[in-house]
């Protein structure tokens, strides 16, 4: 009887946490949805300026980061399956690969932003104000805000993955108590989906 109650309680907690994660994901989609609408309005008003500014972005770096996140989505999904099959070592390996890919994404973003800073391109910079049109300034402002917010979500996701790996390693997350890994996977997929929208909006519009 005690064991049955414990299993029922775990099931309830898992369902409650998953509902909470879906609600959180919904609010995040609303946040980025508003930003996408703002971007679309400004792009419509400043079409030529946005095309010109987009030429300053490195499409190759953006494409590489897209591939990295797509692979990381696959590995985090595979880690959930391996945990269900009670393969602890493979679960840790796959979540570790996801972690490394997330770090590589951030490193690429760091160098991409660094190259912009070297050319004096950042929100409020003297170069932007003196040399670029209002439309181009708006483009780069949205670029830094939206990709920066996305990078922050990547960092949060990496922290979650580290916590999950530790709990899997210590046996606190396992096949019957996989809610933390499931929710972390859902969050990571959200991060990937957001980037799939950001990539064409900023890098491919030209």
N, C-alpha and C. Protein backbone atom coordinates (compact mmCIF):
# COMPACT_ATOMS: atom_id res chain seq x y z
N UNK A 1 0.83 -1.21 0.00
CA UNK A 1 0.00 0.00 0.00
C UNK A 1 0.87 1.26 0.00
N UNK A 2 1.90 1.27 0.84
CA UNK A 2 2.80 2.42 0.93
C UNK A 2 3.48 2.67 -0.42
N UNK A 3 3.94 1.56 -1.05
CA UNK A 3 4.62 1.70 -2.33
C UNK A 3 3.67 2.23 -3.40
N UNK A 4 2.41 1.74 -3.37
CA UNK A 4 1.42 2.20 -4.34
C UNK A 4 1.17 3.69 -4.19
N UNK A 5 1.09 4.15 -2.93
CA UNK A 5 0.88 5.59 -2.68
C UNK A 5 2.06 6.40 -3.21
N UNK A 6 3.28 5.85 -3.01
CA UNK A 6 4.48 6.56 -3.44
C UNK A 6 4.50 6.70 -4.96
N UNK A 7 4.15 5.60 -5.66
CA UNK A 7 4.12 5.63 -7.12
C UNK A 7 3.06 6.60 -7.61
N UNK A 8 1.88 6.60 -6.97
CA UNK A 8 0.81 7.52 -7.37
C UNK A 8 1.23 8.96 -7.15
N UNK A 9 1.92 9.21 -6.04
CA UNK A 9 2.38 10.57 -5.74
C UNK A 9 3.40 11.02 -6.78
N UNK A 10 4.32 10.12 -7.16
CA UNK A 10 5.32 10.45 -8.18
C UNK A 10 4.64 10.77 -9.51
N UNK A 11 3.61 9.96 -9.85
CA UNK A 11 2.89 10.18 -11.10
C UNK A 11 2.22 11.55 -11.08
N UNK A 12 1.64 11.91 -9.95
CA UNK A 12 0.96 13.21 -9.81
C UNK A 12 1.98 14.34 -9.95
N UNK A 13 3.13 14.19 -9.29
CA UNK A 13 4.16 15.23 -9.38
C UNK A 13 4.66 15.38 -10.80
N UNK A 14 4.84 14.25 -11.50
CA UNK A 14 5.33 14.29 -12.87
C UNK A 14 4.33 15.01 -13.77
N UNK A 15 3.05 14.70 -13.62
CA UNK A 15 2.03 15.34 -14.43
C UNK A 15 1.94 16.83 -14.12
N UNK A 16 2.00 17.16 -12.84
CA UNK A 16 1.91 18.57 -12.44
C UNK A 16 3.10 19.37 -12.96
N UNK A 17 4.30 18.78 -12.88
CA UNK A 17 5.49 19.49 -13.35
C UNK A 17 5.46 19.66 -14.86
N UNK A 18 4.93 18.66 -15.57
CA UNK A 18 4.86 18.76 -17.03
C UNK A 18 3.84 19.83 -17.44
N UNK A 19 2.72 19.90 -16.74
CA UNK A 19 1.73 20.94 -17.02
C UNK A 19 2.34 22.32 -16.76
N UNK A 20 3.08 22.41 -15.65
CA UNK A 20 3.76 23.67 -15.33
C UNK A 20 4.76 24.06 -16.41
N UNK A 21 5.50 23.07 -16.92
CA UNK A 21 6.48 23.36 -17.98
C UNK A 21 5.79 23.82 -19.25
N UNK A 22 4.66 23.19 -19.62
CA UNK A 22 3.94 23.61 -20.82
C UNK A 22 3.39 25.02 -20.67
N UNK A 23 2.94 25.37 -19.47
CA UNK A 23 2.47 26.74 -19.24
C UNK A 23 3.62 27.74 -19.37
N UNK A 24 4.77 27.36 -18.83
CA UNK A 24 5.96 28.22 -18.95
C UNK A 24 6.35 28.39 -20.41
N UNK A 25 6.35 27.30 -21.16
CA UNK A 25 6.69 27.35 -22.58
C UNK A 25 5.71 28.27 -23.33
N UNK A 26 4.43 28.20 -22.95
CA UNK A 26 3.42 29.06 -23.59
C UNK A 26 3.74 30.53 -23.36
N UNK A 27 4.14 30.88 -22.13
CA UNK A 27 4.48 32.29 -21.84
C UNK A 27 5.72 32.72 -22.61
N UNK A 28 6.69 31.80 -22.77
CA UNK A 28 7.89 32.13 -23.53
C UNK A 28 7.56 32.34 -25.01
N UNK A 29 6.67 31.52 -25.53
CA UNK A 29 6.25 31.68 -26.92
C UNK A 29 5.52 33.01 -27.11
N UNK A 30 4.74 33.42 -26.12
CA UNK A 30 4.08 34.73 -26.19
C UNK A 30 5.12 35.85 -26.22
N UNK A 31 6.15 35.73 -25.37
CA UNK A 31 7.19 36.75 -25.32
C UNK A 31 7.88 36.90 -26.67
N UNK A 32 8.35 35.78 -27.21
CA UNK A 32 9.04 35.86 -28.49
C UNK A 32 8.07 36.17 -29.63
N UNK A 33 6.81 35.75 -29.47
CA UNK A 33 5.81 36.08 -30.48
C UNK A 33 5.64 37.58 -30.61
N UNK A 34 5.61 38.28 -29.48
CA UNK A 34 5.51 39.75 -29.49
C UNK A 34 6.73 40.36 -30.18
N UNK A 35 7.91 39.82 -29.87
CA UNK A 35 9.13 40.33 -30.51
C UNK A 35 9.13 40.08 -32.01
N UNK A 36 8.61 38.91 -32.42
CA UNK A 36 8.54 38.62 -33.85
C UNK A 36 7.58 39.58 -34.55
N UNK A 37 6.48 39.93 -33.89
CA UNK A 37 5.53 40.88 -34.47
C UNK A 37 6.18 42.26 -34.61
N UNK A 38 6.88 42.69 -33.56
CA UNK A 38 7.59 43.98 -33.61
C UNK A 38 8.60 43.99 -34.75
N UNK A 39 9.35 42.89 -34.86
CA UNK A 39 10.33 42.78 -35.95
C UNK A 39 9.64 42.90 -37.31
N UNK A 40 8.54 42.19 -37.47
CA UNK A 40 7.83 42.18 -38.76
C UNK A 40 7.33 43.57 -39.13
N UNK A 41 6.81 44.30 -38.15
CA UNK A 41 6.31 45.65 -38.41
C UNK A 41 7.45 46.57 -38.85
N UNK A 42 8.55 46.54 -38.09
CA UNK A 42 9.69 47.41 -38.44
C UNK A 42 10.32 47.00 -39.77
N UNK A 43 10.33 45.69 -40.03
CA UNK A 43 10.89 45.25 -41.32
C UNK A 43 10.02 45.74 -42.48
N UNK A 44 8.71 45.72 -42.30
CA UNK A 44 7.81 46.20 -43.35
C UNK A 44 8.04 47.70 -43.60
N UNK A 45 8.22 48.44 -42.51
CA UNK A 45 8.40 49.89 -42.64
C UNK A 45 9.77 50.24 -43.21
N UNK A 46 10.79 49.43 -42.83
CA UNK A 46 12.19 49.73 -43.21
C UNK A 46 12.77 48.58 -44.04
N UNK A 47 12.05 48.17 -45.06
CA UNK A 47 12.42 46.98 -45.82
C UNK A 47 13.84 47.04 -46.37
N UNK A 48 14.18 48.11 -47.09
CA UNK A 48 15.49 48.21 -47.71
C UNK A 48 16.61 48.30 -46.67
N UNK A 49 16.36 49.03 -45.59
CA UNK A 49 17.38 49.17 -44.54
C UNK A 49 17.65 47.84 -43.86
N UNK A 50 16.60 47.05 -43.64
CA UNK A 50 16.77 45.74 -43.02
C UNK A 50 17.57 44.81 -43.93
N UNK A 51 17.30 44.86 -45.23
CA UNK A 51 18.06 44.04 -46.17
C UNK A 51 19.54 44.43 -46.16
N UNK A 52 19.79 45.71 -46.12
CA UNK A 52 21.17 46.20 -46.12
C UNK A 52 21.89 45.78 -44.84
N UNK A 53 21.23 45.93 -43.71
CA UNK A 53 21.86 45.58 -42.43
C UNK A 53 22.10 44.07 -42.31
N UNK A 54 21.20 43.28 -42.86
CA UNK A 54 21.35 41.82 -42.79
C UNK A 54 22.60 41.35 -43.49
N UNK A 55 23.08 42.13 -44.46
CA UNK A 55 24.31 41.77 -45.16
C UNK A 55 25.53 41.76 -44.27
N UNK A 56 25.44 42.38 -43.09
CA UNK A 56 26.56 42.41 -42.15
C UNK A 56 26.66 41.12 -41.34
N UNK A 57 25.62 40.29 -41.38
CA UNK A 57 25.63 39.05 -40.60
C UNK A 57 26.23 37.91 -41.40
N UNK A 58 26.89 37.01 -40.69
CA UNK A 58 27.54 35.86 -41.32
C UNK A 58 26.55 34.69 -41.40
N UNK A 59 26.04 34.45 -42.61
CA UNK A 59 25.05 33.39 -42.80
C UNK A 59 25.62 32.02 -42.46
N UNK A 60 26.90 31.81 -42.74
CA UNK A 60 27.53 30.51 -42.46
C UNK A 60 27.51 30.20 -40.98
N UNK A 61 27.88 31.19 -40.17
CA UNK A 61 27.86 30.99 -38.71
C UNK A 61 26.45 30.69 -38.23
N UNK A 62 25.47 31.42 -38.76
CA UNK A 62 24.09 31.17 -38.38
C UNK A 62 23.63 29.78 -38.77
N UNK A 63 24.05 29.32 -39.97
CA UNK A 63 23.67 27.99 -40.42
C UNK A 63 24.32 26.91 -39.57
N UNK A 64 25.59 27.10 -39.23
CA UNK A 64 26.29 26.13 -38.37
C UNK A 64 25.61 26.03 -37.02
N UNK A 65 25.24 27.17 -36.45
CA UNK A 65 24.54 27.16 -35.16
C UNK A 65 23.19 26.48 -35.25
N UNK A 66 22.53 26.62 -36.39
CA UNK A 66 21.24 25.95 -36.59
C UNK A 66 21.42 24.43 -36.58
N UNK A 67 22.44 23.96 -37.30
CA UNK A 67 22.73 22.52 -37.33
C UNK A 67 23.09 22.01 -35.94
N UNK A 68 23.88 22.79 -35.20
CA UNK A 68 24.28 22.41 -33.85
C UNK A 68 23.05 22.21 -32.96
N UNK A 69 22.12 23.16 -33.01
CA UNK A 69 20.94 23.06 -32.15
C UNK A 69 20.02 21.92 -32.58
N UNK A 70 19.91 21.68 -33.89
CA UNK A 70 19.08 20.57 -34.35
C UNK A 70 19.64 19.22 -33.87
N UNK A 71 20.96 19.09 -33.93
CA UNK A 71 21.58 17.85 -33.43
C UNK A 71 21.39 17.73 -31.92
N UNK A 72 21.52 18.85 -31.21
CA UNK A 72 21.36 18.82 -29.75
C UNK A 72 19.93 18.44 -29.36
N UNK A 73 18.95 18.85 -30.17
CA UNK A 73 17.57 18.45 -29.91
C UNK A 73 17.42 16.94 -30.05
N UNK A 74 18.11 16.40 -31.05
CA UNK A 74 18.06 14.96 -31.26
C UNK A 74 18.69 14.21 -30.09
N UNK A 75 19.83 14.69 -29.60
CA UNK A 75 20.53 13.98 -28.52
C UNK A 75 19.75 14.05 -27.21
N UNK A 76 19.12 15.20 -26.92
CA UNK A 76 18.35 15.29 -25.68
C UNK A 76 17.12 14.40 -25.75
N UNK A 77 16.53 14.27 -26.95
CA UNK A 77 15.38 13.37 -27.11
C UNK A 77 15.82 11.92 -26.96
N UNK A 78 16.97 11.59 -27.51
CA UNK A 78 17.50 10.23 -27.39
C UNK A 78 17.85 9.89 -25.95
N UNK A 79 18.28 10.89 -25.19
CA UNK A 79 18.62 10.65 -23.79
C UNK A 79 17.38 10.26 -22.99
N UNK A 80 16.24 10.85 -23.32
CA UNK A 80 14.98 10.48 -22.66
C UNK A 80 14.62 9.03 -22.94
N UNK A 81 14.79 8.62 -24.19
CA UNK A 81 14.52 7.23 -24.57
C UNK A 81 15.46 6.27 -23.85
N UNK A 82 16.73 6.63 -23.78
CA UNK A 82 17.71 5.75 -23.13
C UNK A 82 17.43 5.62 -21.64
N UNK A 83 16.92 6.70 -21.02
CA UNK A 83 16.57 6.62 -19.60
C UNK A 83 15.38 5.68 -19.40
N UNK A 84 14.42 5.75 -20.29
CA UNK A 84 13.27 4.85 -20.21
C UNK A 84 13.69 3.40 -20.36
N UNK A 85 14.77 3.17 -21.11
CA UNK A 85 15.30 1.81 -21.29
C UNK A 85 16.30 1.44 -20.20
N UNK A 86 16.42 2.32 -19.19
CA UNK A 86 17.28 2.10 -18.02
C UNK A 86 18.76 2.00 -18.37
N UNK A 87 19.15 2.72 -19.42
CA UNK A 87 20.56 2.76 -19.80
C UNK A 87 21.16 4.07 -19.27
N UNK A 88 21.62 4.01 -18.04
CA UNK A 88 22.10 5.20 -17.35
C UNK A 88 23.32 5.80 -18.04
N UNK A 89 24.27 4.96 -18.43
CA UNK A 89 25.50 5.45 -19.05
C UNK A 89 25.21 6.18 -20.35
N UNK A 90 24.34 5.60 -21.20
CA UNK A 90 24.00 6.24 -22.47
C UNK A 90 23.24 7.54 -22.24
N UNK A 91 22.40 7.56 -21.22
CA UNK A 91 21.66 8.80 -20.88
C UNK A 91 22.64 9.91 -20.53
N UNK A 92 23.63 9.60 -19.71
CA UNK A 92 24.63 10.60 -19.33
C UNK A 92 25.46 11.03 -20.55
N UNK A 93 25.77 10.08 -21.42
CA UNK A 93 26.56 10.40 -22.62
C UNK A 93 25.80 11.35 -23.53
N UNK A 94 24.52 11.05 -23.76
CA UNK A 94 23.71 11.86 -24.67
C UNK A 94 23.43 13.25 -24.11
N UNK A 95 23.15 13.33 -22.81
CA UNK A 95 22.95 14.66 -22.21
C UNK A 95 24.26 15.44 -22.21
N UNK A 96 25.38 14.72 -22.04
CA UNK A 96 26.69 15.38 -22.11
C UNK A 96 26.96 15.95 -23.49
N UNK A 97 26.59 15.21 -24.53
CA UNK A 97 26.75 15.70 -25.91
C UNK A 97 25.89 16.95 -26.12
N UNK A 98 24.67 16.91 -25.60
CA UNK A 98 23.78 18.08 -25.70
C UNK A 98 24.42 19.29 -25.02
N UNK A 99 24.98 19.06 -23.86
CA UNK A 99 25.65 20.13 -23.11
C UNK A 99 26.79 20.73 -23.91
N UNK A 100 27.63 19.88 -24.49
CA UNK A 100 28.77 20.34 -25.27
C UNK A 100 28.30 21.14 -26.49
N UNK A 101 27.27 20.65 -27.17
CA UNK A 101 26.76 21.36 -28.34
C UNK A 101 26.20 22.73 -27.97
N UNK A 102 25.53 22.80 -26.82
CA UNK A 102 25.04 24.09 -26.36
C UNK A 102 26.16 25.07 -26.08
N UNK A 103 27.24 24.58 -25.50
CA UNK A 103 28.40 25.43 -25.22
C UNK A 103 29.03 25.90 -26.53
N UNK A 104 29.14 24.99 -27.50
CA UNK A 104 29.70 25.36 -28.81
C UNK A 104 28.86 26.46 -29.46
N UNK A 105 27.54 26.34 -29.34
CA UNK A 105 26.65 27.38 -29.88
C UNK A 105 26.98 28.73 -29.25
N UNK A 106 27.13 28.76 -27.93
CA UNK A 106 27.42 30.01 -27.25
C UNK A 106 28.80 30.56 -27.63
N UNK A 107 29.77 29.69 -27.83
CA UNK A 107 31.10 30.13 -28.25
C UNK A 107 31.03 30.78 -29.63
N UNK A 108 30.29 30.14 -30.55
CA UNK A 108 30.11 30.74 -31.87
C UNK A 108 29.42 32.09 -31.79
N UNK A 109 28.41 32.18 -30.92
CA UNK A 109 27.70 33.45 -30.75
C UNK A 109 28.61 34.51 -30.15
N UNK A 110 29.48 34.10 -29.23
CA UNK A 110 30.43 35.03 -28.61
C UNK A 110 31.34 35.65 -29.68
N UNK A 111 31.90 34.82 -30.56
CA UNK A 111 32.79 35.33 -31.60
C UNK A 111 32.01 36.16 -32.63
N UNK A 112 30.77 35.77 -32.90
CA UNK A 112 29.96 36.54 -33.84
C UNK A 112 29.68 37.93 -33.28
N UNK A 113 29.25 37.97 -32.02
CA UNK A 113 29.03 39.27 -31.39
C UNK A 113 30.34 40.06 -31.31
N UNK A 114 31.44 39.37 -31.00
CA UNK A 114 32.74 40.04 -30.88
C UNK A 114 33.14 40.73 -32.17
N UNK A 115 32.87 40.08 -33.31
CA UNK A 115 33.21 40.70 -34.59
C UNK A 115 32.38 41.96 -34.83
N UNK A 116 31.13 41.94 -34.35
CA UNK A 116 30.29 43.14 -34.49
C UNK A 116 30.83 44.26 -33.61
N UNK A 117 31.23 43.93 -32.39
CA UNK A 117 31.77 44.94 -31.48
C UNK A 117 33.05 45.56 -32.07
N UNK A 118 33.88 44.72 -32.71
CA UNK A 118 35.12 45.22 -33.31
C UNK A 118 34.84 46.25 -34.41
N UNK A 119 33.70 46.10 -35.07
CA UNK A 119 33.34 47.05 -36.12
C UNK A 119 32.47 48.19 -35.58
N UNK A 120 32.35 48.26 -34.26
CA UNK A 120 31.59 49.34 -33.64
C UNK A 120 30.09 49.17 -33.72
N UNK A 121 29.65 47.94 -33.95
CA UNK A 121 28.22 47.69 -34.08
C UNK A 121 27.69 47.08 -32.79
N UNK A 122 27.01 47.90 -32.01
CA UNK A 122 26.27 47.46 -30.83
C UNK A 122 25.25 48.54 -30.51
N UNK A 123 24.19 48.20 -29.78
CA UNK A 123 23.13 49.19 -29.51
C UNK A 123 23.67 50.46 -28.87
N UNK A 124 23.36 51.59 -29.49
CA UNK A 124 23.77 52.88 -28.96
C UNK A 124 25.19 53.29 -29.30
N UNK A 125 25.89 52.51 -30.12
CA UNK A 125 27.28 52.84 -30.44
C UNK A 125 27.35 54.10 -31.31
N UNK A 126 28.47 54.77 -31.22
CA UNK A 126 28.68 55.99 -32.00
C UNK A 126 28.67 55.70 -33.50
N UNK A 127 29.23 54.53 -33.87
CA UNK A 127 29.27 54.15 -35.28
C UNK A 127 27.86 54.01 -35.86
N UNK A 128 26.99 53.35 -35.12
CA UNK A 128 25.62 53.17 -35.60
C UNK A 128 24.92 54.51 -35.79
N UNK A 129 25.05 55.36 -34.79
CA UNK A 129 24.34 56.64 -34.81
C UNK A 129 24.82 57.53 -35.94
N UNK A 130 26.13 57.52 -36.21
CA UNK A 130 26.71 58.46 -37.18
C UNK A 130 26.71 57.94 -38.61
N UNK A 131 26.70 56.61 -38.80
CA UNK A 131 26.91 56.07 -40.14
C UNK A 131 25.74 55.28 -40.71
N UNK A 132 24.81 54.85 -39.87
CA UNK A 132 23.72 54.01 -40.37
C UNK A 132 22.37 54.72 -40.28
N UNK A 133 21.45 54.27 -41.10
CA UNK A 133 20.11 54.85 -41.09
C UNK A 133 19.33 54.35 -39.88
N UNK A 134 18.18 54.99 -39.64
CA UNK A 134 17.34 54.59 -38.51
C UNK A 134 16.88 53.15 -38.65
N UNK A 135 16.57 52.74 -39.89
CA UNK A 135 16.13 51.37 -40.11
C UNK A 135 17.21 50.35 -39.77
N UNK A 136 18.45 50.65 -40.15
CA UNK A 136 19.56 49.73 -39.84
C UNK A 136 19.81 49.67 -38.33
N UNK A 137 19.68 50.81 -37.67
CA UNK A 137 19.83 50.85 -36.21
C UNK A 137 18.78 49.98 -35.54
N UNK A 138 17.55 50.07 -36.05
CA UNK A 138 16.47 49.24 -35.51
C UNK A 138 16.76 47.75 -35.73
N UNK A 139 17.28 47.42 -36.91
CA UNK A 139 17.61 46.02 -37.20
C UNK A 139 18.61 45.47 -36.19
N UNK A 140 19.70 46.20 -35.99
CA UNK A 140 20.74 45.70 -35.08
C UNK A 140 20.27 45.73 -33.62
N UNK A 141 19.40 46.68 -33.29
CA UNK A 141 18.85 46.68 -31.94
C UNK A 141 18.03 45.42 -31.68
N UNK A 142 17.17 45.07 -32.64
CA UNK A 142 16.37 43.85 -32.51
C UNK A 142 17.25 42.61 -32.56
N UNK A 143 18.27 42.65 -33.39
CA UNK A 143 19.20 41.51 -33.49
C UNK A 143 19.85 41.21 -32.15
N UNK A 144 20.38 42.22 -31.50
CA UNK A 144 21.06 42.01 -30.22
C UNK A 144 20.07 41.63 -29.12
N UNK A 145 18.91 42.25 -29.12
CA UNK A 145 17.92 41.93 -28.08
C UNK A 145 17.43 40.49 -28.22
N UNK A 146 17.05 40.11 -29.43
CA UNK A 146 16.43 38.81 -29.62
C UNK A 146 17.44 37.66 -29.56
N UNK A 147 18.60 37.83 -30.17
CA UNK A 147 19.61 36.77 -30.07
C UNK A 147 20.23 36.72 -28.68
N UNK A 148 20.30 37.89 -28.02
CA UNK A 148 20.81 37.90 -26.65
C UNK A 148 19.86 37.21 -25.69
N UNK A 149 18.56 37.45 -25.87
CA UNK A 149 17.55 36.79 -25.04
C UNK A 149 17.57 35.28 -25.30
N UNK A 150 17.76 34.92 -26.56
CA UNK A 150 17.85 33.50 -26.89
C UNK A 150 19.09 32.87 -26.24
N UNK A 151 20.22 33.56 -26.28
CA UNK A 151 21.43 33.05 -25.65
C UNK A 151 21.24 32.86 -24.15
N UNK A 152 20.50 33.77 -23.52
CA UNK A 152 20.20 33.63 -22.09
C UNK A 152 19.39 32.35 -21.84
N UNK A 153 18.47 32.06 -22.72
CA UNK A 153 17.69 30.82 -22.59
C UNK A 153 18.57 29.59 -22.78
N UNK A 154 19.54 29.70 -23.68
CA UNK A 154 20.50 28.60 -23.86
C UNK A 154 21.26 28.35 -22.56
N UNK A 155 21.71 29.42 -21.91
CA UNK A 155 22.47 29.28 -20.66
C UNK A 155 21.60 28.62 -19.59
N UNK A 156 20.35 29.05 -19.48
CA UNK A 156 19.43 28.44 -18.51
C UNK A 156 19.25 26.95 -18.83
N UNK A 157 19.10 26.64 -20.12
CA UNK A 157 18.96 25.24 -20.52
C UNK A 157 20.18 24.41 -20.16
N UNK A 158 21.37 24.99 -20.32
CA UNK A 158 22.60 24.27 -19.97
C UNK A 158 22.67 23.99 -18.47
N UNK A 159 22.23 24.96 -17.67
CA UNK A 159 22.20 24.75 -16.22
C UNK A 159 21.25 23.61 -15.87
N UNK A 160 20.09 23.58 -16.52
CA UNK A 160 19.13 22.50 -16.29
C UNK A 160 19.74 21.15 -16.66
N UNK A 161 20.46 21.11 -17.77
CA UNK A 161 21.06 19.84 -18.22
C UNK A 161 22.12 19.37 -17.23
N UNK A 162 22.90 20.29 -16.70
CA UNK A 162 23.92 19.92 -15.70
C UNK A 162 23.24 19.33 -14.46
N UNK A 163 22.15 19.96 -14.02
CA UNK A 163 21.41 19.45 -12.86
C UNK A 163 20.87 18.06 -13.15
N UNK A 164 20.31 17.88 -14.36
CA UNK A 164 19.76 16.58 -14.74
C UNK A 164 20.85 15.52 -14.74
N UNK A 165 22.01 15.84 -15.31
CA UNK A 165 23.10 14.88 -15.37
C UNK A 165 23.53 14.45 -13.97
N UNK A 166 23.61 15.40 -13.06
CA UNK A 166 23.99 15.09 -11.69
C UNK A 166 22.96 14.18 -11.03
N UNK A 167 21.69 14.47 -11.25
CA UNK A 167 20.63 13.67 -10.62
C UNK A 167 20.54 12.28 -11.25
N UNK A 168 20.80 12.18 -12.54
CA UNK A 168 20.85 10.86 -13.16
C UNK A 168 22.02 10.07 -12.60
N UNK A 169 23.16 10.73 -12.48
CA UNK A 169 24.37 10.08 -11.96
C UNK A 169 24.18 9.57 -10.53
N UNK A 170 23.50 10.38 -9.71
CA UNK A 170 23.30 10.00 -8.31
C UNK A 170 22.07 9.12 -8.12
N UNK A 171 21.34 8.83 -9.19
CA UNK A 171 20.21 7.92 -9.10
C UNK A 171 18.92 8.58 -8.67
N UNK A 172 18.87 9.91 -8.63
CA UNK A 172 17.64 10.59 -8.23
C UNK A 172 16.67 10.78 -9.40
N UNK A 173 17.20 10.68 -10.61
CA UNK A 173 16.36 10.67 -11.81
C UNK A 173 16.58 9.34 -12.51
N UNK A 174 15.49 8.60 -12.69
CA UNK A 174 15.58 7.29 -13.33
C UNK A 174 14.28 7.06 -14.11
N UNK A 175 14.11 5.87 -14.65
CA UNK A 175 13.00 5.60 -15.57
C UNK A 175 11.64 5.98 -14.99
N UNK A 176 11.42 5.66 -13.71
CA UNK A 176 10.12 5.94 -13.08
C UNK A 176 10.00 7.37 -12.57
N UNK A 177 11.11 8.08 -12.52
CA UNK A 177 11.11 9.49 -12.07
C UNK A 177 11.90 10.33 -13.07
N UNK A 178 11.37 10.39 -14.28
CA UNK A 178 12.09 11.04 -15.38
C UNK A 178 11.56 12.43 -15.69
N UNK A 179 10.70 12.97 -14.84
CA UNK A 179 10.05 14.25 -15.14
C UNK A 179 11.05 15.38 -15.37
N UNK A 180 12.12 15.41 -14.58
CA UNK A 180 13.09 16.49 -14.71
C UNK A 180 13.78 16.45 -16.07
N UNK A 181 14.15 15.26 -16.51
CA UNK A 181 14.76 15.12 -17.83
C UNK A 181 13.76 15.44 -18.93
N UNK A 182 12.53 14.97 -18.78
CA UNK A 182 11.49 15.26 -19.78
C UNK A 182 11.27 16.76 -19.92
N UNK A 183 11.15 17.44 -18.79
CA UNK A 183 10.90 18.89 -18.82
C UNK A 183 12.10 19.67 -19.36
N UNK A 184 13.30 19.21 -19.02
CA UNK A 184 14.49 19.85 -19.56
C UNK A 184 14.55 19.69 -21.07
N UNK A 185 14.14 18.49 -21.54
CA UNK A 185 14.09 18.27 -22.99
C UNK A 185 13.08 19.17 -23.67
N UNK A 186 11.91 19.34 -23.05
CA UNK A 186 10.90 20.24 -23.61
C UNK A 186 11.43 21.66 -23.69
N UNK A 187 12.11 22.10 -22.64
CA UNK A 187 12.67 23.45 -22.62
C UNK A 187 13.71 23.61 -23.73
N UNK A 188 14.55 22.58 -23.89
CA UNK A 188 15.61 22.66 -24.91
C UNK A 188 15.01 22.70 -26.31
N UNK A 189 13.94 21.94 -26.53
CA UNK A 189 13.27 21.98 -27.83
C UNK A 189 12.69 23.37 -28.08
N UNK A 190 12.17 24.02 -27.04
CA UNK A 190 11.67 25.39 -27.18
C UNK A 190 12.78 26.32 -27.66
N UNK A 191 13.95 26.20 -27.04
CA UNK A 191 15.09 27.04 -27.41
C UNK A 191 15.45 26.82 -28.88
N UNK A 192 15.41 25.56 -29.31
CA UNK A 192 15.74 25.25 -30.70
C UNK A 192 14.70 25.83 -31.66
N UNK A 193 13.42 25.70 -31.31
CA UNK A 193 12.36 26.21 -32.17
C UNK A 193 12.48 27.73 -32.34
N UNK A 194 12.78 28.41 -31.25
CA UNK A 194 12.94 29.87 -31.32
C UNK A 194 14.06 30.23 -32.29
N UNK A 195 15.18 29.49 -32.21
CA UNK A 195 16.30 29.79 -33.10
C UNK A 195 15.94 29.52 -34.56
N UNK A 196 15.14 28.48 -34.81
CA UNK A 196 14.73 28.16 -36.17
C UNK A 196 13.96 29.32 -36.80
N UNK A 197 13.28 30.12 -35.97
CA UNK A 197 12.61 31.32 -36.46
C UNK A 197 13.58 32.49 -36.57
N UNK A 198 14.49 32.60 -35.60
CA UNK A 198 15.43 33.72 -35.61
C UNK A 198 16.39 33.65 -36.80
N UNK A 199 16.85 32.46 -37.12
CA UNK A 199 17.84 32.30 -38.18
C UNK A 199 17.37 32.89 -39.52
N UNK A 200 16.22 32.49 -40.06
CA UNK A 200 15.81 33.09 -41.33
C UNK A 200 15.44 34.56 -41.23
N UNK A 201 14.88 34.96 -40.09
CA UNK A 201 14.47 36.37 -39.95
C UNK A 201 15.66 37.32 -40.04
N UNK A 202 16.78 36.94 -39.44
CA UNK A 202 17.93 37.85 -39.42
C UNK A 202 18.98 37.53 -40.47
N UNK A 203 19.19 36.25 -40.75
CA UNK A 203 20.33 35.88 -41.60
C UNK A 203 19.97 35.64 -43.06
N UNK A 204 18.71 35.30 -43.35
CA UNK A 204 18.36 34.91 -44.71
C UNK A 204 17.46 35.89 -45.44
N UNK A 205 17.18 37.03 -44.84
CA UNK A 205 16.20 37.93 -45.47
C UNK A 205 16.76 38.58 -46.73
N UNK A 206 18.08 38.54 -46.92
CA UNK A 206 18.65 39.15 -48.12
C UNK A 206 18.78 38.13 -49.23
